[in-house]
PDB file of N, CA and C in Angstrom:
ATOM      1  N   MET A   1    -156.514  89.270-122.116  1.00  0.00           N
ATOM      2  CA  MET A   1    -157.059  89.034-123.443  1.00  0.00           C
ATOM      3  C   MET A   1    -156.678  87.632-123.899  1.00  0.00           C
ATOM      4  N   GLU A   2    -157.662  86.893-124.346  1.00  0.00           N
ATOM      5  CA  GLU A   2    -157.404  85.537-124.807  1.00  0.00           C
ATOM      6  C   GLU A   2    -156.993  85.546-126.267  1.00  0.00           C
ATOM      7  N   ASN A   3    -156.067  84.677-126.580  1.00  0.00           N
ATOM      8  CA  ASN A   3    -155.638  84.527-127.966  1.00  0.00           C
ATOM      9  C   ASN A   3    -156.343  83.304-128.536  1.00  0.00           C
ATOM     10  N   GLN A   4    -157.287  83.529-129.404  1.00  0.00           N
ATOM     11  CA  GLN A   4    -158.088  82.442-129.964  1.00  0.00           C
ATOM     12  C   GLN A   4    -157.311  81.565-130.940  1.00  0.00           C
ATOM     13  N   SER A   5    -156.154  82.014-131.371  1.00  0.00           N
ATOM     14  CA  SER A   5    -155.404  81.237-132.355  1.00  0.00           C
ATOM     15  C   SER A   5    -154.321  80.364-131.714  1.00  0.00           C
ATOM     16  N   TRP A   6    -154.303  80.275-130.396  1.00  0.00           N
ATOM     17  CA  TRP A   6    -153.299  79.436-129.746  1.00  0.00           C
ATOM     18  C   TRP A   6    -153.565  77.975-130.052  1.00  0.00           C
ATOM     19  N   LYS A   7    -152.494  77.214-130.150  1.00  0.00           N
ATOM     20  CA  LYS A   7    -152.597  75.780-130.375  1.00  0.00           C
ATOM     21  C   LYS A   7    -151.770  75.093-129.298  1.00  0.00           C
ATOM     22  N   THR A   8    -152.368  74.129-128.634  1.00  0.00           N
ATOM     23  CA  THR A   8    -151.675  73.415-127.561  1.00  0.00           C
ATOM     24  C   THR A   8    -151.403  71.994-128.025  1.00  0.00           C
ATOM     25  N   GLU A   9    -150.183  71.552-127.852  1.00  0.00           N
ATOM     26  CA  GLU A   9    -149.802  70.184-128.184  1.00  0.00           C
ATOM     27  C   GLU A   9    -149.125  69.564-126.976  1.00  0.00           C
ATOM     28  N   PHE A  10    -149.349  68.289-126.770  1.00  0.00           N
ATOM     29  CA  PHE A  10    -148.696  67.557-125.704  1.00  0.00           C
ATOM     30  C   PHE A  10    -147.758  66.537-126.331  1.00  0.00           C
ATOM     31  N   ASN A  11    -146.512  66.594-125.914  1.00  0.00           N
ATOM     32  CA  ASN A  11    -145.507  65.668-126.417  1.00  0.00           C
ATOM     33  C   ASN A  11    -144.677  65.155-125.253  1.00  0.00           C
ATOM     34  N   TRP A  12    -144.268  63.910-125.339  1.00  0.00           N
ATOM     35  CA  TRP A  12    -143.394  63.353-124.325  1.00  0.00           C
ATOM     36  C   TRP A  12    -141.968  63.781-124.625  1.00  0.00           C
ATOM     37  N   ILE A  13    -141.273  64.208-123.586  1.00  0.00           N
ATOM     38  CA  ILE A  13    -139.832  64.465-123.724  1.00  0.00           C
ATOM     39  C   ILE A  13    -139.134  63.832-122.538  1.00  0.00           C
ATOM     40  N   LYS A  14    -137.908  63.471-122.733  1.00  0.00           N
ATOM     41  CA  LYS A  14    -137.146  62.835-121.669  1.00  0.00           C
ATOM     42  C   LYS A  14    -136.913  63.837-120.537  1.00  0.00           C
ATOM     43  N   ALA A  15    -137.175  63.394-119.322  1.00  0.00           N
ATOM     44  CA  ALA A  15    -137.004  64.266-118.155  1.00  0.00           C
ATOM     45  C   ALA A  15    -135.527  64.487-117.862  1.00  0.00           C
ATOM     46  N   HIS A  16    -135.231  65.618-117.275  1.00  0.00           N
ATOM     47  CA  HIS A  16    -133.881  65.977-116.828  1.00  0.00           C
ATOM     48  C   HIS A  16    -132.844  65.888-117.956  1.00  0.00           C
ATOM     49  N   ALA A  17    -133.278  66.272-119.160  1.00  0.00           N
ATOM     50  CA  ALA A  17    -132.380  66.218-120.306  1.00  0.00           C
ATOM     51  C   ALA A  17    -131.969  67.618-120.753  1.00  0.00           C
ATOM     52  N   GLY A  18    -132.293  68.632-119.950  1.00  0.00           N
ATOM     53  CA  GLY A  18    -131.878  69.983-120.251  1.00  0.00           C
ATOM     54  C   GLY A  18    -132.772  70.741-121.221  1.00  0.00           C
ATOM     55  N   HIS A  19    -133.984  70.256-121.459  1.00  0.00           N
ATOM     56  CA  HIS A  19    -134.926  70.979-122.322  1.00  0.00           C
ATOM     57  C   HIS A  19    -135.414  72.218-121.567  1.00  0.00           C
ATOM     58  N   HIS A  20    -135.202  73.390-122.142  1.00  0.00           N
ATOM     59  CA  HIS A  20    -135.510  74.649-121.458  1.00  0.00           C
ATOM     60  C   HIS A  20    -136.954  74.706-120.950  1.00  0.00           C
ATOM     61  N   GLY A  21    -137.913  74.398-121.805  1.00  0.00           N
ATOM     62  CA  GLY A  21    -139.321  74.460-121.411  1.00  0.00           C
ATOM     63  C   GLY A  21    -139.657  73.503-120.291  1.00  0.00           C
ATOM     64  N   ASN A  22    -139.086  72.302-120.346  1.00  0.00           N
ATOM     65  CA  ASN A  22    -139.336  71.310-119.312  1.00  0.00           C
ATOM     66  C   ASN A  22    -138.711  71.730-117.987  1.00  0.00           C
ATOM     67  N   GLU A  23    -137.508  72.259-118.045  1.00  0.00           N
ATOM     68  CA  GLU A  23    -136.844  72.729-116.824  1.00  0.00           C
ATOM     69  C   GLU A  23    -137.623  73.884-116.203  1.00  0.00           C
ATOM     70  N   LEU A  24    -138.127  74.785-117.043  1.00  0.00           N
ATOM     71  CA  LEU A  24    -138.925  75.914-116.565  1.00  0.00           C
ATOM     72  C   LEU A  24    -140.223  75.423-115.923  1.00  0.00           C
ATOM     73  N   ALA A  25    -140.863  74.436-116.537  1.00  0.00           N
ATOM     74  CA  ALA A  25    -142.093  73.872-115.975  1.00  0.00           C
ATOM     75  C   ALA A  25    -141.821  73.212-114.627  1.00  0.00           C
ATOM     76  N   ASP A  26    -140.723  72.473-114.515  1.00  0.00           N
ATOM     77  CA  ASP A  26    -140.352  71.837-113.246  1.00  0.00           C
ATOM     78  C   ASP A  26    -140.122  72.882-112.164  1.00  0.00           C
ATOM     79  N   GLN A  27    -139.391  73.919-112.502  1.00  0.00           N
ATOM     80  CA  GLN A  27    -139.084  74.984-111.538  1.00  0.00           C
ATOM     81  C   GLN A  27    -140.367  75.673-111.072  1.00  0.00           C
ATOM     82  N   THR A  28    -141.234  75.994-112.009  1.00  0.00           N
ATOM     83  CA  THR A  28    -142.489  76.669-111.684  1.00  0.00           C
ATOM     84  C   THR A  28    -143.380  75.783-110.815  1.00  0.00           C
ATOM     85  N   ALA A  29    -143.449  74.497-111.129  1.00  0.00           N
ATOM     86  CA  ALA A  29    -144.261  73.570-110.336  1.00  0.00           C
ATOM     87  C   ALA A  29    -143.728  73.457-108.912  1.00  0.00           C
ATOM     88  N   LYS A  30    -142.413  73.404-108.765  1.00  0.00           N
ATOM     89  CA  LYS A  30    -141.816  73.320-107.421  1.00  0.00           C
ATOM     90  C   LYS A  30    -142.102  74.580-106.616  1.00  0.00           C
ATOM     91  N   GLU A  31    -141.999  75.733-107.261  1.00  0.00           N
ATOM     92  CA  GLU A  31    -142.290  76.995-106.579  1.00  0.00           C
ATOM     93  C   GLU A  31    -143.750  77.037-106.144  1.00  0.00           C
ATOM     94  N   ALA A  32    -144.651  76.615-107.004  1.00  0.00           N
ATOM     95  CA  ALA A  32    -146.075  76.634-106.686  1.00  0.00           C
ATOM     96  C   ALA A  32    -146.399  75.665-105.554  1.00  0.00           C
ATOM     97  N   ALA A  33    -145.728  74.505-105.547  1.00  0.00           N
ATOM     98  CA  ALA A  33    -145.999  73.491-104.528  1.00  0.00           C
ATOM     99  C   ALA A  33    -145.525  73.915-103.148  1.00  0.00           C
ATOM    100  N   THR A  34    -144.530  74.781-103.086  1.00  0.00           N
ATOM    101  CA  THR A  34    -143.974  75.175-101.796  1.00  0.00           C
ATOM    102  C   THR A  34    -144.417  76.565-101.351  1.00  0.00           C
ATOM    103  N   ASN A  35    -145.197  77.262-102.169  1.00  0.00           N
ATOM    104  CA  ASN A  35    -145.619  78.621-101.861  1.00  0.00           C
ATOM    105  C   ASN A  35    -147.022  78.594-101.260  1.00  0.00           C
ATOM    106  N   SER A  36    -147.134  78.901 -99.977  1.00  0.00           N
ATOM    107  CA  SER A  36    -148.444  78.873 -99.312  1.00  0.00           C
ATOM    108  C   SER A  36    -149.265  80.124 -99.596  1.00  0.00           C
ATOM    109  N   ASP A  37    -148.704  81.119-100.265  1.00  0.00           N
ATOM    110  CA  ASP A  37    -149.430  82.347-100.577  1.00  0.00           C
ATOM    111  C   ASP A  37    -150.268  82.243-101.854  1.00  0.00           C
ATOM    112  N   ILE A  38    -150.100  81.161-102.596  1.00  0.00           N
ATOM    113  CA  ILE A  38    -150.831  80.993-103.850  1.00  0.00           C
ATOM    114  C   ILE A  38    -152.201  80.414-103.532  1.00  0.00           C
ATOM    115  N   ASN A  39    -153.249  81.084-104.036  1.00  0.00           N
ATOM    116  CA  ASN A  39    -154.602  80.562-103.863  1.00  0.00           C
ATOM    117  C   ASN A  39    -154.761  79.305-104.692  1.00  0.00           C
ATOM    118  N   GLU A  40    -155.455  78.338-104.143  1.00  0.00           N
ATOM    119  CA  GLU A  40    -155.677  77.092-104.855  1.00  0.00           C
ATOM    120  C   GLU A  40    -156.612  77.351-106.027  1.00  0.00           C
ATOM    121  N   CYS A  41    -156.207  76.943-107.190  1.00  0.00           N
ATOM    122  CA  CYS A  41    -157.047  77.155-108.366  1.00  0.00           C
ATOM    123  C   CYS A  41    -157.387  75.836-109.043  1.00  0.00           C
ATOM    124  N   TYR A  42    -156.898  74.714-108.517  1.00  0.00           N
ATOM    125  CA  TYR A  42    -157.150  73.424-109.130  1.00  0.00           C
ATOM    126  C   TYR A  42    -157.165  72.364-108.053  1.00  0.00           C
ATOM    127  N   LYS A  43    -158.182  71.573-108.056  1.00  0.00           N
ATOM    128  CA  LYS A  43    -158.264  70.450-107.129  1.00  0.00           C
ATOM    129  C   LYS A  43    -158.312  69.180-107.964  1.00  0.00           C
ATOM    130  N   ARG A  44    -157.424  68.299-107.675  1.00  0.00           N
ATOM    131  CA  ARG A  44    -157.403  67.050-108.417  1.00  0.00           C
ATOM    132  C   ARG A  44    -158.502  66.143-107.880  1.00  0.00           C
ATOM    133  N   ILE A  45    -159.334  65.654-108.768  1.00  0.00           N
ATOM    134  CA  ILE A  45    -160.431  64.774-108.400  1.00  0.00           C
ATOM    135  C   ILE A  45    -160.078  63.372-108.877  1.00  0.00           C
ATOM    136  N   PRO A  46    -160.152  62.383-107.989  1.00  0.00           N
ATOM    137  CA  PRO A  46    -159.844  61.012-108.415  1.00  0.00           C
ATOM    138  C   PRO A  46    -160.779  60.548-109.524  1.00  0.00           C
ATOM    139  N   LYS A  47    -160.250  59.736-110.411  1.00  0.00           N
ATOM    140  CA  LYS A  47    -161.024  59.213-111.530  1.00  0.00           C
ATOM    141  C   LYS A  47    -162.268  58.475-111.038  1.00  0.00           C
ATOM    142  N   SER A  48    -162.128  57.731-109.934  1.00  0.00           N
ATOM    143  CA  SER A  48    -163.259  56.977-109.397  1.00  0.00           C
ATOM    144  C   SER A  48    -164.385  57.905-108.956  1.00  0.00           C
ATOM    145  N   THR A  49    -164.040  59.066-108.404  1.00  0.00           N
ATOM    146  CA  THR A  49    -165.056  60.029-107.976  1.00  0.00           C
ATOM    147  C   THR A  49    -165.773  60.613-109.181  1.00  0.00           C
ATOM    148  N   ALA A  50    -165.016  61.006-110.183  1.00  0.00           N
ATOM    149  CA  ALA A  50    -165.621  61.560-111.398  1.00  0.00           C
ATOM    150  C   ALA A  50    -166.532  60.528-112.051  1.00  0.00           C
ATOM    151  N   ARG A  51    -166.092  59.289-112.120  1.00  0.00           N
ATOM    152  CA  ARG A  51    -166.884  58.220-112.730  1.00  0.00           C
ATOM    153  C   ARG A  51    -168.177  57.992-111.944  1.00  0.00           C
ATOM    154  N   ARG A  52    -168.081  57.965-110.608  1.00  0.00           N
ATOM    155  CA  ARG A  52    -169.259  57.744-109.766  1.00  0.00           C
ATOM    156  C   ARG A  52    -170.257  58.896-109.905  1.00  0.00           C
ATOM    157  N   GLU A  53    -169.757  60.134-109.867  1.00  0.00           N
ATOM    158  CA  GLU A  53    -170.637  61.290-109.993  1.00  0.00           C
ATOM    159  C   GLU A  53    -171.321  61.324-111.350  1.00  0.00           C
ATOM    160  N   LEU A  54    -170.600  60.981-112.401  1.00  0.00           N
ATOM    161  CA  LEU A  54    -171.186  60.945-113.738  1.00  0.00           C
ATOM    162  C   LEU A  54    -172.243  59.844-113.822  1.00  0.00           C
ATOM    163  N   SER A  55    -171.956  58.688-113.238  1.00  0.00           N
ATOM    164  CA  SER A  55    -172.914  57.591-113.231  1.00  0.00           C
ATOM    165  C   SER A  55    -174.179  57.979-112.465  1.00  0.00           C
ATOM    166  N   ASP A  56    -174.006  58.564-111.279  1.00  0.00           N
ATOM    167  CA  ASP A  56    -175.161  58.996-110.477  1.00  0.00           C
ATOM    168  C   ASP A  56    -176.000  60.007-111.236  1.00  0.00           C
ATOM    169  N   TYR A  57    -175.347  60.976-111.871  1.00  0.00           N
ATOM    170  CA  TYR A  57    -176.054  62.001-112.643  1.00  0.00           C
ATOM    171  C   TYR A  57    -176.821  61.362-113.796  1.00  0.00           C
ATOM    172  N   SER A  58    -176.168  60.427-114.491  1.00  0.00           N
ATOM    173  CA  SER A  58    -176.799  59.777-115.643  1.00  0.00           C
ATOM    174  C   SER A  58    -178.035  58.990-115.225  1.00  0.00           C
ATOM    175  N   VAL A  59    -177.941  58.258-114.121  1.00  0.00           N
ATOM    176  CA  VAL A  59    -179.081  57.474-113.646  1.00  0.00           C
ATOM    177  C   VAL A  59    -180.224  58.398-113.235  1.00  0.00           C
ATOM    178  N   THR A  60    -179.906  59.480-112.548  1.00  0.00           N
ATOM    179  CA  THR A  60    -180.923  60.444-112.127  1.00  0.00           C
ATOM    180  C   THR A  60    -181.613  61.060-113.341  1.00  0.00           C
ATOM    181  N   LYS A  61    -180.835  61.455-114.334  1.00  0.00           N
ATOM    182  CA  LYS A  61    -181.403  62.047-115.550  1.00  0.00           C
ATOM    183  C   LYS A  61    -182.267  61.035-116.284  1.00  0.00           C
ATOM    184  N   TRP A  62    -181.786  59.804-116.421  1.00  0.00           N
ATOM    185  CA  TRP A  62    -182.558  58.764-117.093  1.00  0.00           C
ATOM    186  C   TRP A  62    -183.871  58.529-116.363  1.00  0.00           C
ATOM    187  N   GLN A  63    -183.819  58.424-115.036  1.00  0.00           N
ATOM    188  CA  GLN A  63    -185.029  58.159-114.254  1.00  0.00           C
ATOM    189  C   GLN A  63    -186.041  59.291-114.414  1.00  0.00           C
ATOM    190  N   SER A  64    -185.555  60.523-114.411  1.00  0.00           N
ATOM    191  CA  SER A  64    -186.433  61.676-114.586  1.00  0.00           C
ATOM    192  C   SER A  64    -187.125  61.635-115.942  1.00  0.00           C
ATOM    193  N   GLU A  65    -186.377  61.337-116.985  1.00  0.00           N
ATOM    194  CA  GLU A  65    -186.968  61.245-118.316  1.00  0.00           C
ATOM    195  C   GLU A  65    -187.961  60.092-118.394  1.00  0.00           C
ATOM    196  N   TRP A  66    -187.636  58.975-117.761  1.00  0.00           N
ATOM    197  CA  TRP A  66    -188.531  57.814-117.743  1.00  0.00           C
ATOM    198  C   TRP A  66    -189.835  58.151-117.018  1.00  0.00           C
ATOM    199  N   ASP A  67    -189.734  58.846-115.898  1.00  0.00           N
ATOM    200  CA  ASP A  67    -190.914  59.196-115.109  1.00  0.00           C
ATOM    201  C   ASP A  67    -191.863  60.122-115.840  1.00  0.00           C
ATOM    202  N   TYR A  68    -191.336  61.011-116.683  1.00  0.00           N
ATOM    203  CA  TYR A  68    -192.159  62.030-117.316  1.00  0.00           C
ATOM    204  C   TYR A  68    -192.529  61.748-118.766  1.00  0.00           C
ATOM    205  N   THR A  69    -192.174  60.590-119.280  1.00  0.00           N
ATOM    206  CA  THR A  69    -192.551  60.269-120.650  1.00  0.00           C
ATOM    207  C   THR A  69    -193.804  59.408-120.659  1.00  0.00           C
ATOM    208  N   THR A  70    -194.581  59.510-121.714  1.00  0.00           N
ATOM    209  CA  THR A  70    -195.765  58.659-121.852  1.00  0.00           C
ATOM    210  C   THR A  70    -195.458  57.445-122.719  1.00  0.00           C
ATOM    211  N   LYS A  71    -194.323  57.468-123.369  1.00  0.00           N
ATOM    212  CA  LYS A  71    -193.940  56.322-124.197  1.00  0.00           C
ATOM    213  C   LYS A  71    -193.565  55.155-123.283  1.00  0.00           C
ATOM    214  N   GLY A  72    -193.912  53.977-123.667  1.00  0.00           N
ATOM    215  CA  GLY A  72    -193.589  52.806-122.857  1.00  0.00           C
ATOM    216  C   GLY A  72    -194.472  52.698-121.629  1.00  0.00           C
ATOM    217  N   ALA A  73    -195.674  53.273-121.675  1.00  0.00           N
ATOM    218  CA  ALA A  73    -196.561  53.293-120.507  1.00  0.00           C
ATOM    219  C   ALA A  73    -196.863  51.891-119.989  1.00  0.00           C
ATOM    220  N   ILE A  74    -197.057  50.932-120.894  1.00  0.00           N
ATOM    221  CA  ILE A  74    -197.362  49.571-120.446  1.00  0.00           C
ATOM    222  C   ILE A  74    -196.178  48.962-119.703  1.00  0.00           C
ATOM    223  N   THR A  75    -194.969  49.261-120.157  1.00  0.00           N
ATOM    224  CA  THR A  75    -193.769  48.743-119.504  1.00  0.00           C
ATOM    225  C   THR A  75    -193.627  49.326-118.107  1.00  0.00           C
ATOM    226  N   LYS A  76    -194.034  50.578-117.921  1.00  0.00           N
ATOM    227  CA  LYS A  76    -193.936  51.214-116.611  1.00  0.00           C
ATOM    228  C   LYS A  76    -194.757  50.496-115.553  1.00  0.00           C
ATOM    229  N   THR A  77    -195.807  49.850-115.962  1.00  0.00           N
ATOM    230  CA  THR A  77    -196.637  49.154-114.967  1.00  0.00           C
ATOM    231  C   THR A  77    -195.895  47.975-114.356  1.00  0.00           C
ATOM    232  N   PHE A  78    -194.838  47.503-115.011  1.00  0.00           N
ATOM    233  CA  PHE A  78    -194.056  46.377-114.494  1.00  0.00           C
ATOM    234  C   PHE A  78    -192.870  46.813-113.654  1.00  0.00           C
ATOM    235  N   SER A  79    -192.524  48.091-113.680  1.00  0.00           N
ATOM    236  CA  SER A  79    -191.319  48.532-112.980  1.00  0.00           C
ATOM    237  C   SER A  79    -191.561  48.591-111.468  1.00  0.00           C
ATOM    238  N   LEU A  80    -190.532  48.307-110.709  1.00  0.00           N
ATOM    239  CA  LEU A  80    -190.605  48.338-109.240  1.00  0.00           C
ATOM    240  C   LEU A  80    -189.984  49.628-108.752  1.00  0.00           C
ATOM    241  N   LYS A  81    -190.588  50.254-107.800  1.00  0.00           N
ATOM    242  CA  LYS A  81    -190.009  51.478-107.236  1.00  0.00           C
ATOM    243  C   LYS A  81    -189.875  51.313-105.754  1.00  0.00           C
TER     244      LYS A  81
END
């Protein structure tokens, strides 16, 4: 069951300073990194890949809209394909 009233905040805290939540997060991350029985649920995607895929998608969408619109018909006669 999801709790719709949860609030998430991100704050910087000094590492290895004995903060209970931070120590627990470190421990859990180490366990997850060394446990081969855990199914992968997150794949880190490089920023460059995300940027390229978004750019490719945007150009494809723009081209599709350009191809199917009647506005700017005279300008289309000058475009190179």
